[in-house]
Amino acid sequence: YHTENSNGATSCTACSAGTYSATEASLVCTKCPIGRYQNETRSTACHLCPTTTTTLESGSSIEERCVCDVGQYWSNATSSCETCLEGLNCDWESSDDLEV
């Protein structure tokens, strides 16, 4: 993005990971929205989280921040998020299959 100093001169500053600038001429860096991440600097867009996953907050800078939605768990058997069955502990922080 571009910044302007007190003398009116402009310079380019790279947007950090977790943010993007919609255009190279933009004056601001924007946090990646929930459900997206950006692990590189100088980006004009954010990556979508893998299917059935999302991020818990905006500004995520690594794909590992993409987790299953609340009420779901990661299944190693299907390599995707599955709906948590009633009565089972469905911990979104766990990367392993459900435990009874």
PDB file of N, CA and C in Angstrom:
ATOM      1  N   TYR A   1       0.842  -1.169   0.000  1.00  0.00           N
ATOM      2  CA  TYR A   1       0.000   0.000   0.000  1.00  0.00           C
ATOM      3  C   TYR A   1       0.887   1.233   0.000  1.00  0.00           C
ATOM      4  N   HIS A   2       0.330   2.367  -0.304  1.00  0.00           N
ATOM      5  CA  HIS A   2       1.084   3.612  -0.384  1.00  0.00           C
ATOM      6  C   HIS A   2       0.889   4.422   0.887  1.00  0.00           C
ATOM      7  N   THR A   3       1.962   5.037   1.350  1.00  0.00           N
ATOM      8  CA  THR A   3       1.878   5.947   2.480  1.00  0.00           C
ATOM      9  C   THR A   3       2.423   7.298   2.053  1.00  0.00           C
ATOM     10  N   GLU A   4       1.994   8.329   2.727  1.00  0.00           N
ATOM     11  CA  GLU A   4       2.455   9.681   2.418  1.00  0.00           C
ATOM     12  C   GLU A   4       3.103  10.263   3.662  1.00  0.00           C
ATOM     13  N   ASN A   5       4.317  10.801   3.522  1.00  0.00           N
ATOM     14  CA  ASN A   5       4.986  11.394   4.680  1.00  0.00           C
ATOM     15  C   ASN A   5       4.590  12.854   4.824  1.00  0.00           C
ATOM     16  N   SER A   6       5.149  13.537   5.820  1.00  0.00           N
ATOM     17  CA  SER A   6       4.774  14.924   6.100  1.00  0.00           C
ATOM     18  C   SER A   6       5.167  15.886   4.982  1.00  0.00           C
ATOM     19  N   ASN A   7       6.100  15.493   4.129  1.00  0.00           N
ATOM     20  CA  ASN A   7       6.507  16.334   3.001  1.00  0.00           C
ATOM     21  C   ASN A   7       5.643  16.094   1.767  1.00  0.00           C
ATOM     22  N   GLY A   8       4.689  15.164   1.836  1.00  0.00           N
ATOM     23  CA  GLY A   8       3.811  14.871   0.715  1.00  0.00           C
ATOM     24  C   GLY A   8       4.343  13.811  -0.225  1.00  0.00           C
ATOM     25  N   ALA A   9       5.513  13.247   0.084  1.00  0.00           N
ATOM     26  CA  ALA A   9       6.085  12.188  -0.756  1.00  0.00           C
ATOM     27  C   ALA A   9       5.417  10.864  -0.411  1.00  0.00           C
ATOM     28  N   THR A  10       5.198  10.054  -1.426  1.00  0.00           N
ATOM     29  CA  THR A  10       4.592   8.742  -1.191  1.00  0.00           C
ATOM     30  C   THR A  10       5.642   7.654  -1.307  1.00  0.00           C
ATOM     31  N   SER A  11       5.398   6.574  -0.587  1.00  0.00           N
ATOM     32  CA  SER A  11       6.270   5.402  -0.666  1.00  0.00           C
ATOM     33  C   SER A  11       5.414   4.159  -0.518  1.00  0.00           C
ATOM     34  N   CYS A  12       5.938   3.035  -0.960  1.00  0.00           N
ATOM     35  CA  CYS A  12       5.204   1.774  -0.862  1.00  0.00           C
ATOM     36  C   CYS A  12       5.639   1.019   0.384  1.00  0.00           C
ATOM     37  N   THR A  13       4.687   0.442   1.056  1.00  0.00           N
ATOM     38  CA  THR A  13       4.930  -0.399   2.218  1.00  0.00           C
ATOM     39  C   THR A  13       4.174  -1.698   2.009  1.00  0.00           C
ATOM     40  N   ALA A  14       4.840  -2.821   2.198  1.00  0.00           N
ATOM     41  CA  ALA A  14       4.201  -4.121   1.977  1.00  0.00           C
ATOM     42  C   ALA A  14       3.184  -4.412   3.066  1.00  0.00           C
ATOM     43  N   CYS A  15       2.035  -4.922   2.672  1.00  0.00           N
ATOM     44  CA  CYS A  15       1.060  -5.400   3.650  1.00  0.00           C
ATOM     45  C   CYS A  15       1.616  -6.673   4.281  1.00  0.00           C
ATOM     46  N   SER A  16       1.413  -6.824   5.567  1.00  0.00           N
ATOM     47  CA  SER A  16       1.941  -7.988   6.281  1.00  0.00           C
ATOM     48  C   SER A  16       1.064  -9.220   6.058  1.00  0.00           C
ATOM     49  N   ALA A  17       1.572 -10.371   6.437  1.00  0.00           N
ATOM     50  CA  ALA A  17       0.785 -11.607   6.373  1.00  0.00           C
ATOM     51  C   ALA A  17      -0.489 -11.405   7.195  1.00  0.00           C
ATOM     52  N   GLY A  18      -1.581 -11.981   6.716  1.00  0.00           N
ATOM     53  CA  GLY A  18      -2.869 -11.820   7.388  1.00  0.00           C
ATOM     54  C   GLY A  18      -3.653 -10.618   6.885  1.00  0.00           C
ATOM     55  N   THR A  19      -3.012  -9.846   5.981  1.00  0.00           N
ATOM     56  CA  THR A  19      -3.672  -8.680   5.409  1.00  0.00           C
ATOM     57  C   THR A  19      -3.455  -8.661   3.899  1.00  0.00           C
ATOM     58  N   TYR A  20      -4.191  -7.773   3.222  1.00  0.00           N
ATOM     59  CA  TYR A  20      -4.042  -7.609   1.779  1.00  0.00           C
ATOM     60  C   TYR A  20      -4.384  -6.179   1.414  1.00  0.00           C
ATOM     61  N   SER A  21      -3.964  -5.787   0.239  1.00  0.00           N
ATOM     62  CA  SER A  21      -4.309  -4.497  -0.317  1.00  0.00           C
ATOM     63  C   SER A  21      -5.025  -4.770  -1.631  1.00  0.00           C
ATOM     64  N   ALA A  22      -6.246  -4.304  -1.776  1.00  0.00           N
ATOM     65  CA  ALA A  22      -7.058  -4.627  -2.944  1.00  0.00           C
ATOM     66  C   ALA A  22      -6.378  -4.232  -4.255  1.00  0.00           C
ATOM     67  N   THR A  23      -5.629  -3.148  -4.229  1.00  0.00           N
ATOM     68  CA  THR A  23      -4.871  -2.725  -5.406  1.00  0.00           C
ATOM     69  C   THR A  23      -3.511  -2.223  -4.956  1.00  0.00           C
ATOM     70  N   GLU A  24      -2.572  -2.173  -5.861  1.00  0.00           N
ATOM     71  CA  GLU A  24      -1.240  -1.676  -5.521  1.00  0.00           C
ATOM     72  C   GLU A  24      -1.272  -0.204  -5.150  1.00  0.00           C
ATOM     73  N   ALA A  25      -2.275   0.524  -5.614  1.00  0.00           N
ATOM     74  CA  ALA A  25      -2.381   1.955  -5.325  1.00  0.00           C
ATOM     75  C   ALA A  25      -3.166   2.245  -4.047  1.00  0.00           C
ATOM     76  N   SER A  26      -3.626   1.213  -3.372  1.00  0.00           N
ATOM     77  CA  SER A  26      -4.432   1.387  -2.168  1.00  0.00           C
ATOM     78  C   SER A  26      -3.640   2.081  -1.069  1.00  0.00           C
ATOM     79  N   LEU A  27      -4.342   2.786  -0.203  1.00  0.00           N
ATOM     80  CA  LEU A  27      -3.705   3.486   0.904  1.00  0.00           C
ATOM     81  C   LEU A  27      -3.769   2.701   2.210  1.00  0.00           C
ATOM     82  N   VAL A  28      -4.427   1.542   2.201  1.00  0.00           N
ATOM     83  CA  VAL A  28      -4.574   0.770   3.437  1.00  0.00           C
ATOM     84  C   VAL A  28      -4.391  -0.724   3.183  1.00  0.00           C
ATOM     85  N   CYS A  29      -4.016  -1.426   4.235  1.00  0.00           N
ATOM     86  CA  CYS A  29      -4.015  -2.889   4.239  1.00  0.00           C
ATOM     87  C   CYS A  29      -5.253  -3.315   5.019  1.00  0.00           C
ATOM     88  N   THR A  30      -5.927  -4.325   4.538  1.00  0.00           N
ATOM     89  CA  THR A  30      -7.154  -4.814   5.154  1.00  0.00           C
ATOM     90  C   THR A  30      -6.926  -6.217   5.683  1.00  0.00           C
ATOM     91  N   LYS A  31      -7.426  -6.503   6.894  1.00  0.00           N
ATOM     92  CA  LYS A  31      -7.311  -7.856   7.441  1.00  0.00           C
ATOM     93  C   LYS A  31      -8.099  -8.831   6.576  1.00  0.00           C
ATOM     94  N   CYS A  32      -7.566 -10.031   6.398  1.00  0.00           N
ATOM     95  CA  CYS A  32      -8.313 -11.078   5.700  1.00  0.00           C
ATOM     96  C   CYS A  32      -9.597 -11.346   6.480  1.00  0.00           C
ATOM     97  N   PRO A  33     -10.734 -11.488   5.802  1.00  0.00           N
ATOM     98  CA  PRO A  33     -11.988 -11.742   6.518  1.00  0.00           C
ATOM     99  C   PRO A  33     -12.032 -13.164   7.086  1.00  0.00           C
ATOM    100  N   ILE A  34     -12.960 -13.383   7.963  1.00  0.00           N
ATOM    101  CA  ILE A  34     -13.167 -14.725   8.520  1.00  0.00           C
ATOM    102  C   ILE A  34     -13.407 -15.697   7.370  1.00  0.00           C
ATOM    103  N   GLY A  35     -12.759 -16.862   7.446  1.00  0.00           N
ATOM    104  CA  GLY A  35     -12.878 -17.864   6.389  1.00  0.00           C
ATOM    105  C   GLY A  35     -11.769 -17.778   5.360  1.00  0.00           C
ATOM    106  N   ARG A  36     -10.853 -16.817   5.535  1.00  0.00           N
ATOM    107  CA  ARG A  36      -9.734 -16.635   4.617  1.00  0.00           C
ATOM    108  C   ARG A  36      -8.457 -16.371   5.398  1.00  0.00           C
ATOM    109  N   TYR A  37      -7.313 -16.587   4.751  1.00  0.00           N
ATOM    110  CA  TYR A  37      -6.011 -16.334   5.362  1.00  0.00           C
ATOM    111  C   TYR A  37      -5.042 -15.880   4.277  1.00  0.00           C
ATOM    112  N   GLN A  38      -3.946 -15.241   4.680  1.00  0.00           N
ATOM    113  CA  GLN A  38      -2.889 -14.873   3.749  1.00  0.00           C
ATOM    114  C   GLN A  38      -1.559 -15.049   4.457  1.00  0.00           C
ATOM    115  N   ASN A  39      -0.730 -15.956   3.949  1.00  0.00           N
ATOM    116  CA  ASN A  39       0.538 -16.269   4.599  1.00  0.00           C
ATOM    117  C   ASN A  39       1.720 -15.516   3.988  1.00  0.00           C
ATOM    118  N   GLU A  40       1.465 -14.666   3.016  1.00  0.00           N
ATOM    119  CA  GLU A  40       2.541 -13.919   2.366  1.00  0.00           C
ATOM    120  C   GLU A  40       2.324 -12.419   2.521  1.00  0.00           C
ATOM    121  N   THR A  41       3.392 -11.660   2.332  1.00  0.00           N
ATOM    122  CA  THR A  41       3.280 -10.208   2.316  1.00  0.00           C
ATOM    123  C   THR A  41       3.016  -9.749   0.881  1.00  0.00           C
ATOM    124  N   ARG A  42       2.697  -8.496   0.713  1.00  0.00           N
ATOM    125  CA  ARG A  42       2.471  -7.890  -0.616  1.00  0.00           C
ATOM    126  C   ARG A  42       1.351  -8.571  -1.397  1.00  0.00           C
ATOM    127  N   SER A  43       0.285  -8.924  -0.745  1.00  0.00           N
ATOM    128  CA  SER A  43      -0.800  -9.651  -1.413  1.00  0.00           C
ATOM    129  C   SER A  43      -1.968  -8.734  -1.747  1.00  0.00           C
ATOM    130  N   THR A  44      -2.661  -9.072  -2.837  1.00  0.00           N
ATOM    131  CA  THR A  44      -3.843  -8.313  -3.233  1.00  0.00           C
ATOM    132  C   THR A  44      -5.130  -9.087  -2.975  1.00  0.00           C
ATOM    133  N   ALA A  45      -5.021 -10.254  -2.338  1.00  0.00           N
ATOM    134  CA  ALA A  45      -6.197 -11.073  -2.003  1.00  0.00           C
ATOM    135  C   ALA A  45      -5.804 -12.064  -0.916  1.00  0.00           C
ATOM    136  N   CYS A  46      -6.795 -12.690  -0.316  1.00  0.00           N
ATOM    137  CA  CYS A  46      -6.564 -13.724   0.702  1.00  0.00           C
ATOM    138  C   CYS A  46      -7.015 -15.067   0.155  1.00  0.00           C
ATOM    139  N   HIS A  47      -6.407 -16.145   0.657  1.00  0.00           N
ATOM    140  CA  HIS A  47      -6.765 -17.506   0.262  1.00  0.00           C
ATOM    141  C   HIS A  47      -8.012 -17.954   1.027  1.00  0.00           C
ATOM    142  N   LEU A  48      -8.882 -18.706   0.361  1.00  0.00           N
ATOM    143  CA  LEU A  48     -10.023 -19.323   1.040  1.00  0.00           C
ATOM    144  C   LEU A  48      -9.535 -20.488   1.893  1.00  0.00           C
ATOM    145  N   CYS A  49     -10.130 -20.681   3.047  1.00  0.00           N
ATOM    146  CA  CYS A  49      -9.841 -21.867   3.844  1.00  0.00           C
ATOM    147  C   CYS A  49     -10.328 -23.088   3.069  1.00  0.00           C
ATOM    148  N   PRO A  50      -9.720 -24.249   3.328  1.00  0.00           N
ATOM    149  CA  PRO A  50     -10.193 -25.470   2.668  1.00  0.00           C
ATOM    150  C   PRO A  50     -11.683 -25.706   2.934  1.00  0.00           C
ATOM    151  N   THR A  51     -12.321 -26.434   2.046  1.00  0.00           N
ATOM    152  CA  THR A  51     -13.748 -26.738   2.153  1.00  0.00           C
ATOM    153  C   THR A  51     -14.092 -27.249   3.545  1.00  0.00           C
ATOM    154  N   THR A  52     -15.165 -26.812   4.078  1.00  0.00           N
ATOM    155  CA  THR A  52     -15.753 -27.149   5.386  1.00  0.00           C
ATOM    156  C   THR A  52     -14.990 -26.546   6.564  1.00  0.00           C
ATOM    157  N   THR A  53     -14.003 -25.671   6.320  1.00  0.00           N
ATOM    158  CA  THR A  53     -13.305 -25.026   7.433  1.00  0.00           C
ATOM    159  C   THR A  53     -13.437 -23.513   7.342  1.00  0.00           C
ATOM    160  N   THR A  54     -13.134 -22.843   8.447  1.00  0.00           N
ATOM    161  CA  THR A  54     -13.186 -21.395   8.528  1.00  0.00           C
ATOM    162  C   THR A  54     -12.157 -20.929   9.546  1.00  0.00           C
ATOM    163  N   THR A  55     -11.931 -19.637   9.641  1.00  0.00           N
ATOM    164  CA  THR A  55     -11.097 -19.087  10.702  1.00  0.00           C
ATOM    165  C   THR A  55     -12.010 -18.544  11.789  1.00  0.00           C
ATOM    166  N   LEU A  56     -11.485 -18.398  12.984  1.00  0.00           N
ATOM    167  CA  LEU A  56     -12.290 -17.909  14.096  1.00  0.00           C
ATOM    168  C   LEU A  56     -12.275 -16.392  14.189  1.00  0.00           C
ATOM    169  N   GLU A  57     -11.313 -15.765  13.504  1.00  0.00           N
ATOM    170  CA  GLU A  57     -11.221 -14.308  13.536  1.00  0.00           C
ATOM    171  C   GLU A  57     -10.616 -13.803  12.233  1.00  0.00           C
ATOM    172  N   SER A  58     -10.731 -12.533  11.989  1.00  0.00           N
ATOM    173  CA  SER A  58     -10.137 -11.951  10.792  1.00  0.00           C
ATOM    174  C   SER A  58      -8.633 -11.765  10.998  1.00  0.00           C
ATOM    175  N   GLY A  59      -7.904 -11.615   9.904  1.00  0.00           N
ATOM    176  CA  GLY A  59      -6.474 -11.364   9.978  1.00  0.00           C
ATOM    177  C   GLY A  59      -5.621 -12.608  10.116  1.00  0.00           C
ATOM    178  N   SER A  60      -6.134 -13.772   9.764  1.00  0.00           N
ATOM    179  CA  SER A  60      -5.363 -15.015   9.898  1.00  0.00           C
ATOM    180  C   SER A  60      -4.229 -15.049   8.879  1.00  0.00           C
ATOM    181  N   SER A  61      -3.046 -15.485   9.365  1.00  0.00           N
ATOM    182  CA  SER A  61      -1.860 -15.456   8.520  1.00  0.00           C
ATOM    183  C   SER A  61      -1.334 -16.834   8.141  1.00  0.00           C
ATOM    184  N   ILE A  62      -1.965 -17.891   8.624  1.00  0.00           N
ATOM    185  CA  ILE A  62      -1.538 -19.250   8.264  1.00  0.00           C
ATOM    186  C   ILE A  62      -2.755 -20.139   8.060  1.00  0.00           C
ATOM    187  N   GLU A  63      -2.619 -21.122   7.168  1.00  0.00           N
ATOM    188  CA  GLU A  63      -3.731 -22.026   6.872  1.00  0.00           C
ATOM    189  C   GLU A  63      -4.144 -22.829   8.099  1.00  0.00           C
ATOM    190  N   GLU A  64      -3.222 -23.074   9.003  1.00  0.00           N
ATOM    191  CA  GLU A  64      -3.527 -23.855  10.209  1.00  0.00           C
ATOM    192  C   GLU A  64      -4.565 -23.175  11.087  1.00  0.00           C
ATOM    193  N   ARG A  65      -4.849 -21.901  10.846  1.00  0.00           N
ATOM    194  CA  ARG A  65      -5.907 -21.196  11.579  1.00  0.00           C
ATOM    195  C   ARG A  65      -7.294 -21.557  11.049  1.00  0.00           C
ATOM    196  N   CYS A  66      -7.351 -22.271   9.931  1.00  0.00           N
ATOM    197  CA  CYS A  66      -8.627 -22.731   9.376  1.00  0.00           C
ATOM    198  C   CYS A  66      -9.051 -23.979  10.150  1.00  0.00           C
ATOM    199  N   VAL A  67     -10.175 -23.903  10.828  1.00  0.00           N
ATOM    200  CA  VAL A  67     -10.655 -24.995  11.673  1.00  0.00           C
ATOM    201  C   VAL A  67     -12.108 -25.307  11.326  1.00  0.00           C
ATOM    202  N   CYS A  68     -12.606 -26.384  11.863  1.00  0.00           N
ATOM    203  CA  CYS A  68     -14.009 -26.746  11.650  1.00  0.00           C
ATOM    204  C   CYS A  68     -14.919 -25.744  12.347  1.00  0.00           C
ATOM    205  N   ASP A  69     -16.090 -25.541  11.783  1.00  0.00           N
ATOM    206  CA  ASP A  69     -17.089 -24.682  12.404  1.00  0.00           C
ATOM    207  C   ASP A  69     -17.512 -25.258  13.748  1.00  0.00           C
ATOM    208  N   VAL A  70     -18.065 -24.413  14.599  1.00  0.00           N
ATOM    209  CA  VAL A  70     -18.615 -24.851  15.877  1.00  0.00           C
ATOM    210  C   VAL A  70     -19.659 -25.927  15.604  1.00  0.00           C
ATOM    211  N   GLY A  71     -19.636 -26.998  16.394  1.00  0.00           N
ATOM    212  CA  GLY A  71     -20.584 -28.094  16.200  1.00  0.00           C
ATOM    213  C   GLY A  71     -20.078 -29.142  15.229  1.00  0.00           C
ATOM    214  N   GLN A  72     -18.817 -28.997  14.797  1.00  0.00           N
ATOM    215  CA  GLN A  72     -18.196 -29.971  13.896  1.00  0.00           C
ATOM    216  C   GLN A  72     -16.833 -30.377  14.444  1.00  0.00           C
ATOM    217  N   TYR A  73     -16.293 -31.448  13.916  1.00  0.00           N
ATOM    218  CA  TYR A  73     -14.958 -31.920  14.299  1.00  0.00           C
ATOM    219  C   TYR A  73     -14.227 -32.378  13.055  1.00  0.00           C
ATOM    220  N   TRP A  74     -12.900 -32.423  13.128  1.00  0.00           N
ATOM    221  CA  TRP A  74     -12.078 -32.873  12.008  1.00  0.00           C
ATOM    222  C   TRP A  74     -12.006 -34.394  12.030  1.00  0.00           C
ATOM    223  N   SER A  75     -12.351 -35.017  10.937  1.00  0.00           N
ATOM    224  CA  SER A  75     -12.280 -36.475  10.814  1.00  0.00           C
ATOM    225  C   SER A  75     -11.059 -36.847   9.981  1.00  0.00           C
ATOM    226  N   ASN A  76     -10.130 -37.554  10.577  1.00  0.00           N
ATOM    227  CA  ASN A  76      -8.966 -38.030   9.831  1.00  0.00           C
ATOM    228  C   ASN A  76      -9.385 -39.043   8.768  1.00  0.00           C
ATOM    229  N   ALA A  77     -10.470 -39.753   9.013  1.00  0.00           N
ATOM    230  CA  ALA A  77     -10.936 -40.785   8.074  1.00  0.00           C
ATOM    231  C   ALA A  77     -11.410 -40.171   6.759  1.00  0.00           C
ATOM    232  N   THR A  78     -12.088 -39.022   6.830  1.00  0.00           N
ATOM    233  CA  THR A  78     -12.624 -38.402   5.620  1.00  0.00           C
ATOM    234  C   THR A  78     -11.847 -37.152   5.197  1.00  0.00           C
ATOM    235  N   SER A  79     -10.895 -36.740   6.034  1.00  0.00           N
ATOM    236  CA  SER A  79     -10.118 -35.508   5.791  1.00  0.00           C
ATOM    237  C   SER A  79     -11.027 -34.306   5.567  1.00  0.00           C
ATOM    238  N   SER A  80     -12.054 -34.229   6.408  1.00  0.00           N
ATOM    239  CA  SER A  80     -12.979 -33.095   6.340  1.00  0.00           C
ATOM    240  C   SER A  80     -13.669 -32.921   7.696  1.00  0.00           C
ATOM    241  N   CYS A  81     -14.414 -31.852   7.810  1.00  0.00           N
ATOM    242  CA  CYS A  81     -15.180 -31.617   9.027  1.00  0.00           C
ATOM    243  C   CYS A  81     -16.476 -32.416   8.968  1.00  0.00           C
ATOM    244  N   GLU A  82     -16.845 -32.983  10.085  1.00  0.00           N
ATOM    245  CA  GLU A  82     -18.071 -33.767  10.202  1.00  0.00           C
ATOM    246  C   GLU A  82     -18.915 -33.171  11.323  1.00  0.00           C
ATOM    247  N   THR A  83     -20.225 -33.326  11.226  1.00  0.00           N
ATOM    248  CA  THR A  83     -21.128 -32.826  12.253  1.00  0.00           C
ATOM    249  C   THR A  83     -20.955 -33.626  13.530  1.00  0.00           C
ATOM    250  N   CYS A  84     -20.874 -32.922  14.638  1.00  0.00           N
ATOM    251  CA  CYS A  84     -20.731 -33.558  15.939  1.00  0.00           C
ATOM    252  C   CYS A  84     -22.053 -34.210  16.328  1.00  0.00           C
ATOM    253  N   LEU A  85     -21.990 -35.458  16.703  1.00  0.00           N
ATOM    254  CA  LEU A  85     -23.183 -36.178  17.116  1.00  0.00           C
ATOM    255  C   LEU A  85     -23.563 -35.787  18.536  1.00  0.00           C
ATOM    256  N   GLU A  86     -24.854 -35.747  18.802  1.00  0.00           N
ATOM    257  CA  GLU A  86     -25.340 -35.370  20.117  1.00  0.00           C
ATOM    258  C   GLU A  86     -24.770 -36.296  21.186  1.00  0.00           C
ATOM    259  N   GLY A  87     -24.301 -35.696  22.286  1.00  0.00           N
ATOM    260  CA  GLY A  87     -23.768 -36.475  23.399  1.00  0.00           C
ATOM    261  C   GLY A  87     -22.273 -36.708  23.328  1.00  0.00           C
ATOM    262  N   LEU A  88     -21.629 -36.333  22.232  1.00  0.00           N
ATOM    263  CA  LEU A  88     -20.185 -36.503  22.114  1.00  0.00           C
ATOM    264  C   LEU A  88     -19.482 -35.172  22.330  1.00  0.00           C
ATOM    265  N   ASN A  89     -18.262 -35.232  22.875  1.00  0.00           N
ATOM    266  CA  ASN A  89     -17.462 -34.039  23.074  1.00  0.00           C
ATOM    267  C   ASN A  89     -16.913 -33.589  21.720  1.00  0.00           C
ATOM    268  N   CYS A  90     -17.311 -32.417  21.286  1.00  0.00           N
ATOM    269  CA  CYS A  90     -16.910 -31.914  19.970  1.00  0.00           C
ATOM    270  C   CYS A  90     -16.033 -30.686  20.178  1.00  0.00           C
ATOM    271  N   ASP A  91     -14.748 -30.892  20.356  1.00  0.00           N
ATOM    272  CA  ASP A  91     -13.802 -29.833  20.659  1.00  0.00           C
ATOM    273  C   ASP A  91     -13.167 -29.328  19.372  1.00  0.00           C
ATOM    274  N   TRP A  92     -13.436 -28.075  18.968  1.00  0.00           N
ATOM    275  CA  TRP A  92     -12.906 -27.536  17.718  1.00  0.00           C
ATOM    276  C   TRP A  92     -11.394 -27.422  17.726  1.00  0.00           C
ATOM    277  N   GLU A  93     -10.756 -27.403  18.887  1.00  0.00           N
ATOM    278  CA  GLU A  93      -9.298 -27.286  18.945  1.00  0.00           C
ATOM    279  C   GLU A  93      -8.608 -28.597  18.630  1.00  0.00           C
ATOM    280  N   SER A  94      -9.309 -29.700  18.673  1.00  0.00           N
ATOM    281  CA  SER A  94      -8.701 -31.005  18.461  1.00  0.00           C
ATOM    282  C   SER A  94      -8.534 -31.285  16.980  1.00  0.00           C
ATOM    283  N   SER A  95      -7.379 -31.847  16.611  1.00  0.00           N
ATOM    284  CA  SER A  95      -7.158 -32.205  15.205  1.00  0.00           C
ATOM    285  C   SER A  95      -7.370 -33.694  15.013  1.00  0.00           C
ATOM    286  N   ASP A  96      -7.774 -34.388  16.052  1.00  0.00           N
ATOM    287  CA  ASP A  96      -7.994 -35.827  15.968  1.00  0.00           C
ATOM    288  C   ASP A  96      -9.486 -36.132  15.893  1.00  0.00           C
ATOM    289  N   ASP A  97      -9.801 -37.379  15.554  1.00  0.00           N
ATOM    290  CA  ASP A  97     -11.203 -37.806  15.519  1.00  0.00           C
ATOM    291  C   ASP A  97     -11.825 -37.660  16.909  1.00  0.00           C
ATOM    292  N   LEU A  98     -13.137 -37.615  16.952  1.00  0.00           N
ATOM    293  CA  LEU A  98     -13.884 -37.472  18.195  1.00  0.00           C
ATOM    294  C   LEU A  98     -13.566 -38.574  19.202  1.00  0.00           C
ATOM    295  N   GLU A  99     -13.678 -38.166  20.470  1.00  0.00           N
ATOM    296  CA  GLU A  99     -13.574 -39.148  21.549  1.00  0.00           C
ATOM    297  C   GLU A  99     -14.897 -39.182  22.279  1.00  0.00           C
ATOM    298  N   VAL A 100     -15.315 -40.360  22.683  1.00  0.00           N
ATOM    299  CA  VAL A 100     -16.579 -40.512  23.400  1.00  0.00           C
ATOM    300  C   VAL A 100     -16.343 -40.290  24.879  1.00  0.00           C
TER     301      VAL A 100
END
